[in-house]
Amino acid sequence: MSITKQFLKSKPECKVTFVVENVDAKTVAVAGDFNNWEKAELKKLKNGSFKGSLNIPVDASYEFKYAVDQNWMTEPEADGARWNDFAGAENSILSL
């Protein structure tokens, strides 16, 4: 799994690319504070990885997770982790 950040010069946004590798899954999505926890599907690549990009406002930190075949997973390479009482689990942190 990995995250790539590309800060845009024209807007106060960052193009964040999410990549989930080495999973045996039919679907992978990302959801978090940045999209009101609405699952954004990642595209399955020929090599079996899943990849997708979102433009996200900067100067904030966001909680997020991946939904891998509807099972929530954290991102080990995230900027951090935070306990969420509502979810009863840790969420990954994305700092922009």
Protein backbone atom coordinates (compact mmCIF):
# COMPACT_ATOMS: atom_id res chain seq x y z
CA MET A 1 0.00 0.00 0.00
CA SER A 2 1.17 3.52 -0.62
CA ILE A 3 0.12 7.14 -0.81
CA THR A 4 1.55 9.78 -3.14
CA LYS A 5 0.87 13.50 -2.66
CA GLN A 6 1.09 16.12 -5.41
CA PHE A 7 0.32 19.64 -4.15
CA LEU A 8 -1.44 21.76 -6.77
CA LYS A 9 -0.12 25.26 -7.47
CA SER A 10 -3.40 26.55 -8.87
CA LYS A 11 -5.67 25.55 -5.95
CA PRO A 12 -5.37 24.90 -2.21
CA GLU A 13 -5.66 21.18 -2.91
CA CYS A 14 -3.47 18.12 -3.09
CA LYS A 15 -3.86 15.30 -5.59
CA VAL A 16 -3.55 12.20 -3.43
CA THR A 17 -3.00 8.86 -5.16
CA PHE A 18 -3.89 5.75 -3.18
CA VAL A 19 -2.39 2.39 -4.22
CA VAL A 20 -3.30 -0.93 -2.62
CA GLU A 21 -1.06 -3.81 -3.66
CA ASN A 22 -0.86 -7.50 -2.86
CA VAL A 23 -4.51 -8.01 -1.98
CA ASP A 24 -6.69 -10.78 -3.31
CA ALA A 25 -9.83 -8.67 -3.70
CA LYS A 26 -12.63 -7.94 -6.11
CA THR A 27 -13.12 -4.33 -4.97
CA VAL A 28 -11.12 -1.74 -3.06
CA ALA A 29 -12.35 1.72 -2.09
CA VAL A 30 -11.05 4.57 0.07
CA ALA A 31 -13.24 6.57 2.44
CA GLY A 32 -12.55 9.22 5.03
CA ASP A 33 -13.25 12.65 6.42
CA PHE A 34 -12.19 14.14 3.08
CA ASN A 35 -15.20 12.59 1.26
CA ASN A 36 -17.73 12.27 4.13
CA TRP A 37 -16.89 8.55 4.38
CA GLU A 38 -18.44 7.88 0.96
CA LYS A 39 -16.48 5.02 -0.61
CA ALA A 40 -14.47 6.09 -3.67
CA GLU A 41 -13.72 2.98 -5.71
CA LEU A 42 -10.13 2.38 -6.78
CA LYS A 43 -9.46 0.97 -10.25
CA LYS A 44 -8.06 -2.53 -10.53
CA LEU A 45 -4.87 -2.60 -12.60
CA LYS A 46 -3.57 -5.47 -14.75
CA ASN A 47 -0.94 -6.31 -12.13
CA GLY A 48 -3.69 -6.86 -9.53
CA SER A 49 -3.12 -3.60 -7.64
CA PHE A 50 -5.84 -1.03 -7.07
CA LYS A 51 -5.23 2.68 -7.71
CA GLY A 52 -7.16 5.93 -7.57
CA SER A 53 -6.64 9.66 -7.04
CA LEU A 54 -8.66 12.34 -5.25
CA ASN A 55 -8.14 16.09 -4.98
CA ILE A 56 -8.32 16.92 -1.27
CA PRO A 57 -8.19 20.35 0.44
CA VAL A 58 -4.87 21.16 2.14
CA ASP A 59 -3.99 22.47 5.62
CA ALA A 60 -5.87 19.71 7.44
CA SER A 61 -5.56 16.16 8.72
CA TYR A 62 -8.07 13.52 7.72
CA GLU A 63 -9.00 10.10 9.07
CA PHE A 64 -9.48 7.40 6.43
CA LYS A 65 -9.54 3.66 5.73
CA TYR A 66 -9.69 1.30 2.79
CA ALA A 67 -12.67 -0.97 2.19
CA VAL A 68 -11.24 -4.18 0.74
CA ASP A 69 -14.17 -6.38 -0.32
CA GLN A 70 -16.21 -4.43 2.29
CA ASN A 71 -13.67 -5.14 5.09
CA TRP A 72 -12.05 -2.04 6.60
CA MET A 73 -8.22 -1.85 6.52
CA THR A 74 -5.77 0.82 7.60
CA GLU A 75 -2.85 2.18 5.58
CA PRO A 76 0.49 1.16 7.15
CA GLU A 77 2.30 3.99 5.32
CA ALA A 78 -0.14 6.70 6.46
CA ASP A 79 1.03 9.86 8.22
CA GLY A 80 -0.19 8.36 11.48
CA ALA A 81 -3.06 6.60 13.20
CA ARG A 82 -5.79 7.79 15.55
CA TRP A 83 -8.27 5.92 17.71
CA ASN A 84 -11.88 6.63 16.72
CA ASP A 85 -14.46 5.97 19.46
CA PHE A 86 -17.34 5.92 16.95
CA ALA A 87 -15.70 3.18 14.88
CA GLY A 88 -14.18 1.44 17.89
CA ALA A 89 -10.93 1.07 15.92
CA GLU A 90 -7.90 2.96 14.69
CA ASN A 91 -8.13 4.99 11.51
CA SER A 92 -5.24 6.03 9.29
CA ILE A 93 -4.30 9.72 9.19
CA LEU A 94 -3.60 11.76 6.05
CA SER A 95 -1.95 15.13 6.76
CA LEU A 96 -1.94 17.74 4.01
